[in-house]
């Protein structure tokens, strides 16, 4: 990557700063790790796995991840309606990065 873009341009890239600021928040690591535990996750599954997160915050973070094409939200035609979340291809790559980062931070 640095062959194509100078280090200066990379450091000062507005898109990088904006996306990093949006994506790397307090709950990013726990939510991404929770989603990585299974192929599909429901809202309450994720919420019950993460101590201290409230429904509003989780909803906002899931919407943000959907906006950045990290996860896809699927509405199933069941009674009651079921919503499930799963990683996109980009999300699986993001999960690998977040998983490595969490391993690093725990050591």
Protein backbone atom coordinates (compact mmCIF):
# COMPACT_ATOMS: atom_id res chain seq x y z
CA UNK A 1 0.00 0.00 0.00
CA UNK A 2 2.77 2.45 0.86
CA UNK A 3 4.23 1.89 -2.64
CA UNK A 4 1.14 3.52 -4.15
CA UNK A 5 0.50 6.17 -1.51
CA UNK A 6 3.14 8.14 0.32
CA UNK A 7 3.22 7.80 4.09
CA UNK A 8 2.33 11.50 4.38
CA UNK A 9 -0.75 11.06 2.19
CA UNK A 10 -1.81 8.00 4.15
CA UNK A 11 -1.42 9.70 7.52
CA UNK A 12 -3.38 12.73 6.33
CA UNK A 13 -6.11 10.85 4.46
CA UNK A 14 -9.51 12.27 5.48
CA UNK A 15 -11.43 9.12 4.53
CA UNK A 16 -9.12 7.03 6.71
CA UNK A 17 -9.58 9.39 9.66
CA UNK A 18 -13.35 9.55 9.25
CA UNK A 19 -13.83 5.79 8.88
CA UNK A 20 -11.44 5.01 11.72
CA UNK A 21 -13.29 7.47 13.95
CA UNK A 22 -16.61 5.85 13.11
CA UNK A 23 -15.52 2.23 13.28
CA UNK A 24 -13.14 2.07 16.24
CA UNK A 25 -15.35 2.76 19.22
CA UNK A 26 -15.64 1.30 22.69
CA UNK A 27 -17.97 -1.52 21.65
CA UNK A 28 -16.41 -2.43 18.30
CA UNK A 29 -14.21 -5.26 19.53
CA UNK A 30 -16.83 -7.00 21.71
CA UNK A 31 -19.52 -6.79 19.02
CA UNK A 32 -17.27 -8.03 16.22
CA UNK A 33 -15.93 -10.88 18.38
CA UNK A 34 -19.50 -11.82 19.35
CA UNK A 35 -20.58 -11.86 15.70
CA UNK A 36 -17.57 -14.02 14.85
CA UNK A 37 -18.68 -16.77 17.24
CA UNK A 38 -21.31 -18.10 14.83
CA UNK A 39 -22.48 -17.86 11.24
CA UNK A 40 -25.60 -15.85 12.16
CA UNK A 41 -26.39 -13.82 15.27
CA UNK A 42 -29.59 -12.32 16.58
CA UNK A 43 -29.74 -8.96 18.30
CA UNK A 44 -30.48 -10.45 21.73
CA UNK A 45 -27.75 -13.09 21.35
CA UNK A 46 -25.19 -10.33 20.87
CA UNK A 47 -26.67 -8.15 23.62
CA UNK A 48 -26.70 -11.03 26.12
CA UNK A 49 -23.06 -11.90 25.40
CA UNK A 50 -21.72 -8.38 25.98
CA UNK A 51 -21.85 -7.15 29.56
CA UNK A 52 -22.86 -3.52 29.91
CA UNK A 53 -24.00 -2.72 26.39
CA UNK A 54 -27.47 -1.23 26.06
CA UNK A 55 -29.93 -1.83 23.22
CA UNK A 56 -29.61 1.67 21.80
CA UNK A 57 -25.82 1.49 21.55
CA UNK A 58 -25.89 -1.99 20.03
CA UNK A 59 -28.49 -0.91 17.48
CA UNK A 60 -26.41 2.12 16.48
CA UNK A 61 -23.24 0.04 16.16
CA UNK A 62 -24.96 -2.64 14.07
CA UNK A 63 -26.35 0.07 11.77
CA UNK A 64 -22.87 1.56 11.45
CA UNK A 65 -21.35 -1.83 10.58
CA UNK A 66 -24.11 -2.37 8.03
CA UNK A 67 -23.42 1.09 6.51
CA UNK A 68 -19.72 0.17 6.13
CA UNK A 69 -20.60 -3.22 4.59
CA UNK A 70 -19.11 -5.15 7.53
CA UNK A 71 -22.34 -7.02 8.27
CA UNK A 72 -25.56 -7.75 6.50
CA UNK A 73 -28.93 -7.61 8.18
CA UNK A 74 -31.42 -10.22 7.11
CA UNK A 75 -35.11 -10.17 7.97
CA UNK A 76 -36.68 -13.62 7.97
CA UNK A 77 -40.35 -14.09 7.28
CA UNK A 78 -41.15 -15.93 10.52
CA UNK A 79 -43.66 -15.32 13.28
CA UNK A 80 -42.51 -13.33 15.10
CA UNK A 81 -40.21 -11.78 12.50
CA UNK A 82 -36.58 -12.77 13.01
CA UNK A 83 -33.65 -10.47 12.25
CA UNK A 84 -30.21 -11.97 11.97
CA UNK A 85 -26.80 -10.52 11.32
CA UNK A 86 -23.84 -12.06 9.54
CA UNK A 87 -20.50 -10.93 8.17
CA UNK A 88 -20.02 -9.86 4.59
CA UNK A 89 -16.73 -10.80 2.91
CA UNK A 90 -15.32 -7.46 4.05
CA UNK A 91 -16.64 -8.19 7.54
CA UNK A 92 -14.83 -11.52 7.73
CA UNK A 93 -11.60 -9.71 6.87
CA UNK A 94 -12.37 -7.06 9.51
CA UNK A 95 -13.04 -9.84 12.03
CA UNK A 96 -9.56 -11.28 11.42
CA UNK A 97 -8.01 -7.87 12.11
CA UNK A 98 -10.12 -7.26 15.23
CA UNK A 99 -9.46 -10.77 16.52
CA UNK A 100 -5.71 -10.26 16.15
CA UNK A 101 -5.96 -6.85 17.79
CA UNK A 102 -7.89 -8.26 20.74
CA UNK A 103 -5.31 -11.03 21.15
CA UNK A 104 -2.56 -8.41 21.14
CA UNK A 105 -4.36 -6.22 23.69
CA UNK A 106 -4.98 -9.13 26.06
CA UNK A 107 -1.31 -10.24 26.12
